[in-house]
Amino acid sequence: MEKINIGKIVNAAGIKGEVKIYNYSGSKERYQEGKSVFVENAEHKIEKARYNKDIIFLKLSGIDDRNRAEASKGKNIYINESDLADLPEGEYYIRDMIGLKVVCGKGNILGRLSGVIQNSSQDLYEVEMPDGKKFLIPAVEEFILNIDMEKKQINVKLIEGLIT
C-alpha cells in the first residue's frame, strides 16, 4: 500500500511532546484524534490535535517529551492511500493529475502537467512542453476547459502571451 505525504514536522511545541505540522493536504481535519499517521515509517496514533489558524499541533503516541519532538523535526507525515477521502465529482488529487496531456484547441498537444503551485490566490498548473520549457496556466474556468481523467488530458484555452 502506498503512503501519501500529507505534512511535515517543522518544530517541537511545549515540553510534553507536541509537534508543529506544516500541512500539505489542504485539510486540517485530516488530523483527528484517534486516527493514525506515519512519521516516516513509524506509525503513531494522534492523541491530541489542536489548531491555531492554519497551524496544526499534534500530540502523537510515542513522542512524549520535547527531546523526542525535536528529534522528529524535519520528518514527513504520511497516511495510507486507503485513508484518502473521496473527492466530489470534478475534483482530483494532484498526484493523479501529474503527467496528464495538456491540449489546446482541436487537440494540439502543448505538453504534460508537471506540477501544481498552490501558494497563490488560485492554483497554477505547470506545463512542461516537449522541448523542456515550462509555462504556467491559472487553474480557473477561463483557462481550464475540462479535465478528462479517462482520456488522461486537460483541455485548456490559451490567451496571447501565456506561452513565451
N, C-alpha and C. Protein backbone atom coordinates (compact mmCIF):
# COMPACT_ATOMS: atom_id res chain seq x y z
N MET A 1 0.85 -1.19 0.00
CA MET A 1 0.00 0.00 0.00
C MET A 1 0.89 1.24 0.00
N GLU A 2 0.56 2.16 -0.86
CA GLU A 2 1.34 3.39 -0.97
C GLU A 2 1.01 4.33 0.18
N LYS A 3 2.03 5.04 0.65
CA LYS A 3 1.84 6.06 1.68
C LYS A 3 1.81 7.42 0.99
N ILE A 4 0.94 8.30 1.49
CA ILE A 4 0.74 9.62 0.91
C ILE A 4 1.28 10.67 1.89
N ASN A 5 2.16 11.54 1.41
CA ASN A 5 2.75 12.59 2.25
C ASN A 5 1.72 13.70 2.44
N ILE A 6 1.33 13.94 3.69
CA ILE A 6 0.33 14.97 3.97
C ILE A 6 0.88 16.13 4.79
N GLY A 7 2.13 16.06 5.22
CA GLY A 7 2.68 17.14 6.01
C GLY A 7 4.10 16.87 6.44
N LYS A 8 4.61 17.81 7.22
CA LYS A 8 5.98 17.71 7.72
C LYS A 8 6.04 18.31 9.12
N ILE A 9 6.79 17.66 9.99
CA ILE A 9 7.01 18.21 11.34
C ILE A 9 8.06 19.31 11.21
N VAL A 10 7.68 20.52 11.62
CA VAL A 10 8.59 21.64 11.47
C VAL A 10 9.20 22.11 12.79
N ASN A 11 8.60 21.67 13.91
CA ASN A 11 9.16 22.09 15.19
C ASN A 11 8.51 21.35 16.33
N ALA A 12 9.14 21.42 17.49
CA ALA A 12 8.56 20.93 18.73
C ALA A 12 7.72 22.07 19.32
N ALA A 13 6.71 21.71 20.10
CA ALA A 13 5.86 22.72 20.73
C ALA A 13 5.64 22.32 22.19
N GLY A 14 6.14 23.11 23.10
CA GLY A 14 5.96 22.80 24.51
C GLY A 14 6.90 21.71 24.98
N ILE A 15 6.61 21.20 26.20
CA ILE A 15 7.52 20.22 26.81
C ILE A 15 6.94 18.81 26.88
N LYS A 16 5.70 18.62 26.44
CA LYS A 16 5.05 17.31 26.56
C LYS A 16 5.05 16.50 25.27
N GLY A 17 5.85 16.91 24.29
CA GLY A 17 5.99 16.11 23.09
C GLY A 17 5.13 16.53 21.91
N GLU A 18 4.45 17.66 22.00
CA GLU A 18 3.67 18.12 20.85
C GLU A 18 4.60 18.54 19.72
N VAL A 19 4.10 18.35 18.49
CA VAL A 19 4.85 18.77 17.31
C VAL A 19 4.00 19.72 16.48
N LYS A 20 4.69 20.63 15.82
CA LYS A 20 4.03 21.61 14.94
C LYS A 20 4.15 21.07 13.52
N ILE A 21 3.03 21.06 12.79
CA ILE A 21 2.95 20.45 11.47
C ILE A 21 2.76 21.50 10.39
N TYR A 22 3.53 21.37 9.29
CA TYR A 22 3.24 22.10 8.06
C TYR A 22 2.39 21.16 7.23
N ASN A 23 1.17 21.57 6.96
CA ASN A 23 0.16 20.71 6.33
C ASN A 23 0.21 20.82 4.81
N TYR A 24 0.42 19.70 4.12
CA TYR A 24 0.39 19.67 2.66
C TYR A 24 -0.99 19.32 2.12
N SER A 25 -1.86 18.80 2.96
CA SER A 25 -3.08 18.16 2.45
C SER A 25 -4.21 19.13 2.11
N GLY A 26 -4.14 20.36 2.56
CA GLY A 26 -5.23 21.29 2.29
C GLY A 26 -6.40 21.14 3.25
N SER A 27 -6.35 20.14 4.10
CA SER A 27 -7.44 19.90 5.05
C SER A 27 -6.88 19.57 6.41
N LYS A 28 -7.05 20.49 7.35
CA LYS A 28 -6.53 20.20 8.69
C LYS A 28 -7.40 19.17 9.41
N GLU A 29 -8.62 18.95 8.91
CA GLU A 29 -9.49 17.95 9.51
C GLU A 29 -8.96 16.54 9.33
N ARG A 30 -7.97 16.37 8.45
CA ARG A 30 -7.34 15.07 8.24
C ARG A 30 -6.63 14.61 9.52
N TYR A 31 -6.24 15.56 10.36
CA TYR A 31 -5.52 15.27 11.60
C TYR A 31 -6.53 15.24 12.75
N GLN A 32 -7.13 14.10 12.98
CA GLN A 32 -8.13 13.97 14.03
C GLN A 32 -7.66 13.01 15.10
N GLU A 33 -8.04 13.32 16.33
CA GLU A 33 -7.70 12.44 17.45
C GLU A 33 -8.24 11.05 17.18
N GLY A 34 -7.42 10.05 17.51
CA GLY A 34 -7.82 8.67 17.33
C GLY A 34 -7.37 8.07 16.02
N LYS A 35 -7.06 8.91 15.02
CA LYS A 35 -6.56 8.41 13.74
C LYS A 35 -5.06 8.16 13.86
N SER A 36 -4.54 7.42 12.90
CA SER A 36 -3.11 7.14 12.89
C SER A 36 -2.45 7.82 11.71
N VAL A 37 -1.19 8.19 11.91
CA VAL A 37 -0.34 8.73 10.85
C VAL A 37 1.02 8.04 10.98
N PHE A 38 1.82 8.19 9.95
CA PHE A 38 3.17 7.67 9.98
C PHE A 38 4.13 8.85 10.01
N VAL A 39 5.11 8.79 10.91
CA VAL A 39 6.22 9.73 10.90
C VAL A 39 7.35 8.94 10.26
N GLU A 40 7.62 9.27 9.00
CA GLU A 40 8.47 8.44 8.14
C GLU A 40 7.86 7.04 8.12
N ASN A 41 8.48 6.03 8.71
CA ASN A 41 7.93 4.67 8.65
C ASN A 41 7.28 4.21 9.95
N ALA A 42 7.34 5.03 10.99
CA ALA A 42 6.80 4.63 12.30
C ALA A 42 5.36 5.13 12.46
N GLU A 43 4.45 4.21 12.76
CA GLU A 43 3.04 4.57 12.93
C GLU A 43 2.81 5.15 14.32
N HIS A 44 2.03 6.23 14.38
CA HIS A 44 1.69 6.90 15.63
C HIS A 44 0.21 7.22 15.64
N LYS A 45 -0.41 7.03 16.77
CA LYS A 45 -1.81 7.43 16.95
C LYS A 45 -1.85 8.90 17.34
N ILE A 46 -2.80 9.64 16.79
CA ILE A 46 -2.97 11.05 17.16
C ILE A 46 -3.73 11.08 18.49
N GLU A 47 -3.04 11.48 19.55
CA GLU A 47 -3.65 11.55 20.88
C GLU A 47 -4.39 12.86 21.10
N LYS A 48 -3.87 13.92 20.48
CA LYS A 48 -4.49 15.24 20.63
C LYS A 48 -4.15 16.06 19.40
N ALA A 49 -5.13 16.82 18.92
CA ALA A 49 -4.92 17.73 17.79
C ALA A 49 -5.52 19.07 18.16
N ARG A 50 -4.76 20.12 17.92
CA ARG A 50 -5.29 21.46 18.12
C ARG A 50 -4.79 22.35 16.99
N TYR A 51 -5.54 23.41 16.78
CA TYR A 51 -5.28 24.27 15.63
C TYR A 51 -5.22 25.73 16.07
N ASN A 52 -4.32 26.47 15.46
CA ASN A 52 -4.25 27.91 15.65
C ASN A 52 -4.16 28.50 14.24
N LYS A 53 -5.31 28.93 13.73
CA LYS A 53 -5.45 29.36 12.34
C LYS A 53 -5.07 28.18 11.44
N ASP A 54 -4.04 28.29 10.61
CA ASP A 54 -3.66 27.20 9.71
C ASP A 54 -2.55 26.32 10.30
N ILE A 55 -2.14 26.60 11.51
CA ILE A 55 -1.08 25.82 12.14
C ILE A 55 -1.70 24.65 12.89
N ILE A 56 -1.07 23.48 12.74
CA ILE A 56 -1.57 22.26 13.38
C ILE A 56 -0.56 21.81 14.42
N PHE A 57 -1.05 21.51 15.61
CA PHE A 57 -0.22 20.96 16.67
C PHE A 57 -0.76 19.57 17.00
N LEU A 58 0.13 18.58 17.03
CA LEU A 58 -0.28 17.22 17.32
C LEU A 58 0.49 16.66 18.50
N LYS A 59 -0.19 15.88 19.29
CA LYS A 59 0.45 15.04 20.30
C LYS A 59 0.31 13.63 19.78
N LEU A 60 1.44 13.01 19.45
CA LEU A 60 1.46 11.68 18.86
C LEU A 60 1.94 10.64 19.88
N SER A 61 1.35 9.46 19.82
CA SER A 61 1.77 8.38 20.71
C SER A 61 3.26 8.09 20.48
N GLY A 62 3.98 7.84 21.56
CA GLY A 62 5.39 7.52 21.46
C GLY A 62 6.30 8.73 21.41
N ILE A 63 5.76 9.90 21.22
CA ILE A 63 6.55 11.14 21.28
C ILE A 63 6.05 11.87 22.53
N ASP A 64 6.73 11.61 23.64
CA ASP A 64 6.20 12.01 24.94
C ASP A 64 6.96 13.12 25.64
N ASP A 65 8.01 13.64 25.02
CA ASP A 65 8.72 14.76 25.63
C ASP A 65 9.33 15.65 24.54
N ARG A 66 9.83 16.77 24.96
CA ARG A 66 10.36 17.74 24.00
C ARG A 66 11.54 17.17 23.20
N ASN A 67 12.39 16.38 23.85
CA ASN A 67 13.54 15.81 23.14
C ASN A 67 13.10 14.94 21.97
N ARG A 68 12.10 14.09 22.19
CA ARG A 68 11.61 13.23 21.09
C ARG A 68 10.93 14.08 20.02
N ALA A 69 10.22 15.12 20.45
CA ALA A 69 9.57 16.01 19.48
C ALA A 69 10.61 16.70 18.62
N GLU A 70 11.67 17.20 19.24
CA GLU A 70 12.74 17.87 18.48
C GLU A 70 13.46 16.90 17.55
N ALA A 71 13.60 15.64 17.97
CA ALA A 71 14.24 14.63 17.13
C ALA A 71 13.38 14.32 15.90
N SER A 72 12.10 14.62 15.95
CA SER A 72 11.19 14.37 14.83
C SER A 72 11.15 15.52 13.84
N LYS A 73 11.77 16.64 14.21
CA LYS A 73 11.75 17.83 13.35
C LYS A 73 12.32 17.49 11.97
N GLY A 74 11.62 17.92 10.93
CA GLY A 74 12.05 17.69 9.56
C GLY A 74 11.54 16.40 8.96
N LYS A 75 10.87 15.57 9.75
CA LYS A 75 10.36 14.30 9.24
C LYS A 75 8.99 14.50 8.61
N ASN A 76 8.71 13.70 7.59
CA ASN A 76 7.44 13.79 6.88
C ASN A 76 6.36 12.98 7.58
N ILE A 77 5.11 13.44 7.40
CA ILE A 77 3.92 12.78 7.94
C ILE A 77 3.19 12.13 6.76
N TYR A 78 2.81 10.87 6.91
CA TYR A 78 2.15 10.12 5.85
C TYR A 78 0.86 9.48 6.37
N ILE A 79 -0.03 9.17 5.42
CA ILE A 79 -1.18 8.31 5.69
C ILE A 79 -1.18 7.23 4.63
N ASN A 80 -1.92 6.17 4.89
CA ASN A 80 -2.09 5.13 3.88
C ASN A 80 -2.97 5.66 2.76
N GLU A 81 -2.71 5.21 1.57
CA GLU A 81 -3.52 5.61 0.42
C GLU A 81 -5.00 5.31 0.65
N SER A 82 -5.30 4.22 1.34
CA SER A 82 -6.69 3.85 1.61
C SER A 82 -7.40 4.84 2.53
N ASP A 83 -6.64 5.69 3.22
CA ASP A 83 -7.22 6.69 4.12
C ASP A 83 -7.56 8.00 3.42
N LEU A 84 -7.26 8.10 2.13
CA LEU A 84 -7.60 9.32 1.39
C LEU A 84 -9.12 9.46 1.31
N ALA A 85 -9.58 10.67 1.49
CA ALA A 85 -11.01 10.94 1.40
C ALA A 85 -11.47 10.90 -0.05
N ASP A 86 -12.71 10.49 -0.27
CA ASP A 86 -13.29 10.57 -1.61
C ASP A 86 -13.56 12.03 -1.92
N LEU A 87 -13.22 12.43 -3.12
CA LEU A 87 -13.42 13.82 -3.54
C LEU A 87 -14.75 13.96 -4.28
N PRO A 88 -15.32 15.16 -4.23
CA PRO A 88 -16.54 15.40 -5.02
C PRO A 88 -16.23 15.26 -6.50
N GLU A 89 -17.27 14.99 -7.29
CA GLU A 89 -17.10 14.85 -8.72
C GLU A 89 -16.48 16.12 -9.30
N GLY A 90 -15.52 15.93 -10.19
CA GLY A 90 -14.86 17.06 -10.83
C GLY A 90 -13.64 17.57 -10.07
N GLU A 91 -13.35 17.00 -8.91
CA GLU A 91 -12.14 17.35 -8.16
C GLU A 91 -11.22 16.15 -8.16
N TYR A 92 -9.90 16.43 -8.23
CA TYR A 92 -8.92 15.36 -8.35
C TYR A 92 -7.74 15.65 -7.45
N TYR A 93 -7.09 14.58 -7.00
CA TYR A 93 -5.84 14.74 -6.26
C TYR A 93 -4.75 15.12 -7.26
N ILE A 94 -3.88 16.02 -6.85
CA ILE A 94 -2.79 16.49 -7.71
C ILE A 94 -1.96 15.32 -8.20
N ARG A 95 -1.68 14.38 -7.31
CA ARG A 95 -0.83 13.24 -7.69
C ARG A 95 -1.43 12.44 -8.84
N ASP A 96 -2.77 12.47 -8.97
CA ASP A 96 -3.43 11.76 -10.07
C ASP A 96 -3.41 12.57 -11.37
N MET A 97 -3.19 13.86 -11.25
CA MET A 97 -3.19 14.73 -12.44
C MET A 97 -1.81 14.87 -13.08
N ILE A 98 -0.77 14.72 -12.28
CA ILE A 98 0.59 14.88 -12.81
C ILE A 98 0.79 13.91 -13.98
N GLY A 99 1.30 14.44 -15.07
CA GLY A 99 1.55 13.62 -16.26
C GLY A 99 0.44 13.67 -17.29
N LEU A 100 -0.71 14.27 -16.95
CA LEU A 100 -1.79 14.37 -17.94
C LEU A 100 -1.34 15.24 -19.11
N LYS A 101 -1.78 14.88 -20.33
CA LYS A 101 -1.51 15.71 -21.51
C LYS A 101 -2.29 17.01 -21.35
N VAL A 102 -1.70 18.10 -21.78
CA VAL A 102 -2.37 19.40 -21.81
C VAL A 102 -2.57 19.74 -23.28
N VAL A 103 -3.84 19.88 -23.68
CA VAL A 103 -4.16 20.12 -25.08
C VAL A 103 -4.95 21.41 -25.23
N CYS A 104 -4.81 22.00 -26.41
CA CYS A 104 -5.47 23.27 -26.72
C CYS A 104 -6.17 23.14 -28.06
N GLY A 105 -7.28 23.82 -28.19
CA GLY A 105 -7.97 23.83 -29.48
C GLY A 105 -8.45 22.46 -29.87
N LYS A 106 -8.16 22.06 -31.08
CA LYS A 106 -8.64 20.79 -31.62
C LYS A 106 -7.65 19.66 -31.36
N GLY A 107 -7.06 19.65 -30.19
CA GLY A 107 -6.18 18.54 -29.82
C GLY A 107 -4.70 18.81 -29.96
N ASN A 108 -4.31 20.07 -30.15
CA ASN A 108 -2.89 20.41 -30.23
C ASN A 108 -2.26 20.17 -28.86
N ILE A 109 -1.30 19.24 -28.80
CA ILE A 109 -0.66 18.91 -27.52
C ILE A 109 0.37 19.97 -27.17
N LEU A 110 0.17 20.62 -26.01
CA LEU A 110 1.09 21.65 -25.55
C LEU A 110 2.21 21.05 -24.70
N GLY A 111 1.89 19.95 -24.01
CA GLY A 111 2.87 19.33 -23.12
C GLY A 111 2.15 18.47 -22.09
N ARG A 112 2.80 18.29 -20.95
CA ARG A 112 2.24 17.48 -19.87
C ARG A 112 2.25 18.27 -18.58
N LEU A 113 1.26 18.03 -17.73
CA LEU A 113 1.21 18.69 -16.43
C LEU A 113 2.35 18.14 -15.58
N SER A 114 3.25 19.03 -15.16
CA SER A 114 4.42 18.59 -14.39
C SER A 114 4.35 19.01 -12.93
N GLY A 115 3.42 19.90 -12.59
CA GLY A 115 3.30 20.33 -11.20
C GLY A 115 2.12 21.26 -11.00
N VAL A 116 1.79 21.47 -9.74
CA VAL A 116 0.74 22.42 -9.37
C VAL A 116 1.29 23.28 -8.25
N ILE A 117 1.23 24.59 -8.45
CA ILE A 117 1.69 25.54 -7.44
C ILE A 117 0.46 26.04 -6.69
N GLN A 118 0.47 25.90 -5.37
CA GLN A 118 -0.71 26.21 -4.57
C GLN A 118 -0.53 27.38 -3.62
N ASN A 119 0.43 28.23 -3.82
CA ASN A 119 0.66 29.30 -2.85
C ASN A 119 0.20 30.66 -3.33
N SER A 120 -0.77 30.70 -4.21
CA SER A 120 -1.29 31.98 -4.70
C SER A 120 -2.80 32.00 -4.52
N SER A 121 -3.44 33.04 -5.05
CA SER A 121 -4.89 33.16 -4.88
C SER A 121 -5.63 32.03 -5.58
N GLN A 122 -5.04 31.46 -6.62
CA GLN A 122 -5.59 30.26 -7.25
C GLN A 122 -4.41 29.35 -7.61
N ASP A 123 -4.71 28.09 -7.81
CA ASP A 123 -3.66 27.16 -8.21
C ASP A 123 -3.13 27.55 -9.58
N LEU A 124 -1.87 27.22 -9.81
CA LEU A 124 -1.25 27.40 -11.12
C LEU A 124 -0.78 26.04 -11.60
N TYR A 125 -1.18 25.67 -12.80
CA TYR A 125 -0.75 24.41 -13.39
C TYR A 125 0.55 24.66 -14.15
N GLU A 126 1.58 23.89 -13.83
CA GLU A 126 2.85 23.98 -14.52
C GLU A 126 2.87 22.94 -15.64
N VAL A 127 3.07 23.42 -16.86
CA VAL A 127 3.06 22.55 -18.03
C VAL A 127 4.47 22.50 -18.61
N GLU A 128 4.96 21.27 -18.81
CA GLU A 128 6.26 21.09 -19.46
C GLU A 128 6.03 20.74 -20.92
N MET A 129 6.58 21.58 -21.80
CA MET A 129 6.43 21.38 -23.24
C MET A 129 7.43 20.32 -23.71
N PRO A 130 7.23 19.77 -24.91
CA PRO A 130 8.15 18.74 -25.42
C PRO A 130 9.62 19.18 -25.46
N ASP A 131 9.86 20.50 -25.64
CA ASP A 131 11.25 20.98 -25.69
C ASP A 131 11.86 21.21 -24.31
N GLY A 132 11.09 20.90 -23.24
CA GLY A 132 11.59 21.04 -21.88
C GLY A 132 11.26 22.38 -21.23
N LYS A 133 10.81 23.35 -22.01
CA LYS A 133 10.41 24.63 -21.43
C LYS A 133 9.12 24.45 -20.66
N LYS A 134 8.91 25.32 -19.68
CA LYS A 134 7.70 25.23 -18.85
C LYS A 134 6.96 26.56 -18.88
N PHE A 135 5.65 26.47 -18.71
CA PHE A 135 4.84 27.67 -18.55
C PHE A 135 3.72 27.37 -17.55
N LEU A 136 3.10 28.42 -17.04
CA LEU A 136 2.06 28.29 -16.03
C LEU A 136 0.71 28.70 -16.60
N ILE A 137 -0.32 27.96 -16.19
CA ILE A 137 -1.70 28.30 -16.56
C ILE A 137 -2.49 28.43 -15.26
N PRO A 138 -3.17 29.57 -15.05
CA PRO A 138 -4.04 29.67 -13.87
C PRO A 138 -5.14 28.61 -13.93
N ALA A 139 -5.37 27.95 -12.82
CA ALA A 139 -6.37 26.87 -12.76
C ALA A 139 -7.75 27.46 -12.49
N VAL A 140 -8.25 28.22 -13.45
CA VAL A 140 -9.58 28.83 -13.36
C VAL A 140 -10.36 28.46 -14.61
N GLU A 141 -11.68 28.57 -14.53
CA GLU A 141 -12.56 28.16 -15.62
C GLU A 141 -12.25 28.85 -16.95
N GLU A 142 -11.73 30.06 -16.91
CA GLU A 142 -11.43 30.80 -18.13
C GLU A 142 -10.36 30.10 -18.96
N PHE A 143 -9.44 29.36 -18.30
CA PHE A 143 -8.33 28.71 -18.98
C PHE A 143 -8.45 27.19 -19.00
N ILE A 144 -8.99 26.61 -17.96
CA ILE A 144 -9.11 25.15 -17.86
C ILE A 144 -10.53 24.79 -18.28
N LEU A 145 -10.67 24.27 -19.49
CA LEU A 145 -11.99 23.96 -20.02
C LEU A 145 -12.54 22.68 -19.43
N ASN A 146 -11.70 21.65 -19.33
CA ASN A 146 -12.13 20.43 -18.63
C ASN A 146 -10.93 19.54 -18.37
N ILE A 147 -11.11 18.65 -17.40
CA ILE A 147 -10.11 17.64 -17.07
C ILE A 147 -10.78 16.30 -17.33
N ASP A 148 -10.21 15.55 -18.25
CA ASP A 148 -10.78 14.25 -18.64
C ASP A 148 -9.82 13.16 -18.17
N MET A 149 -10.13 12.57 -17.02
CA MET A 149 -9.24 11.55 -16.46
C MET A 149 -9.24 10.28 -17.30
N GLU A 150 -10.34 9.98 -18.00
CA GLU A 150 -10.37 8.79 -18.85
C GLU A 150 -9.42 8.94 -20.04
N LYS A 151 -9.41 10.11 -20.65
CA LYS A 151 -8.52 10.37 -21.78
C LYS A 151 -7.13 10.80 -21.31
N LYS A 152 -7.00 11.03 -19.99
CA LYS A 152 -5.74 11.47 -19.39
C LYS A 152 -5.26 12.78 -20.02
N GLN A 153 -6.21 13.76 -20.08
CA GLN A 153 -5.83 15.05 -20.65
C GLN A 153 -6.60 16.19 -20.01
N ILE A 154 -5.98 17.35 -20.09
CA ILE A 154 -6.57 18.61 -19.63
C ILE A 154 -6.74 19.49 -20.87
N ASN A 155 -7.96 19.93 -21.11
CA ASN A 155 -8.24 20.82 -22.24
C ASN A 155 -8.19 22.26 -21.75
N VAL A 156 -7.39 23.08 -22.43
CA VAL A 156 -7.18 24.45 -21.99
C VAL A 156 -7.47 25.44 -23.11
N LYS A 157 -7.70 26.67 -22.69
CA LYS A 157 -7.84 27.79 -23.63
C LYS A 157 -6.72 28.76 -23.28
N LEU A 158 -5.92 29.09 -24.26
CA LEU A 158 -4.79 29.99 -24.03
C LEU A 158 -5.13 31.40 -24.48
N ILE A 159 -4.45 32.36 -23.87
CA ILE A 159 -4.53 33.75 -24.32
C ILE A 159 -3.15 34.14 -24.83
N GLU A 160 -3.12 35.15 -25.64
CA GLU A 160 -1.85 35.62 -26.20
C GLU A 160 -0.90 36.00 -25.07
N GLY A 161 0.33 35.57 -25.22
CA GLY A 161 1.35 35.92 -24.24
C GLY A 161 1.51 34.93 -23.09
N LEU A 162 0.61 33.94 -23.01
CA LEU A 162 0.70 32.97 -21.92
C LEU A 162 1.93 32.09 -22.07
N ILE A 163 2.23 31.71 -23.30
CA ILE A 163 3.44 30.92 -23.58
C ILE A 163 4.44 31.86 -24.22
N THR A 164 5.61 31.96 -23.62
CA THR A 164 6.65 32.84 -24.19
C THR A 164 7.83 32.06 -24.68
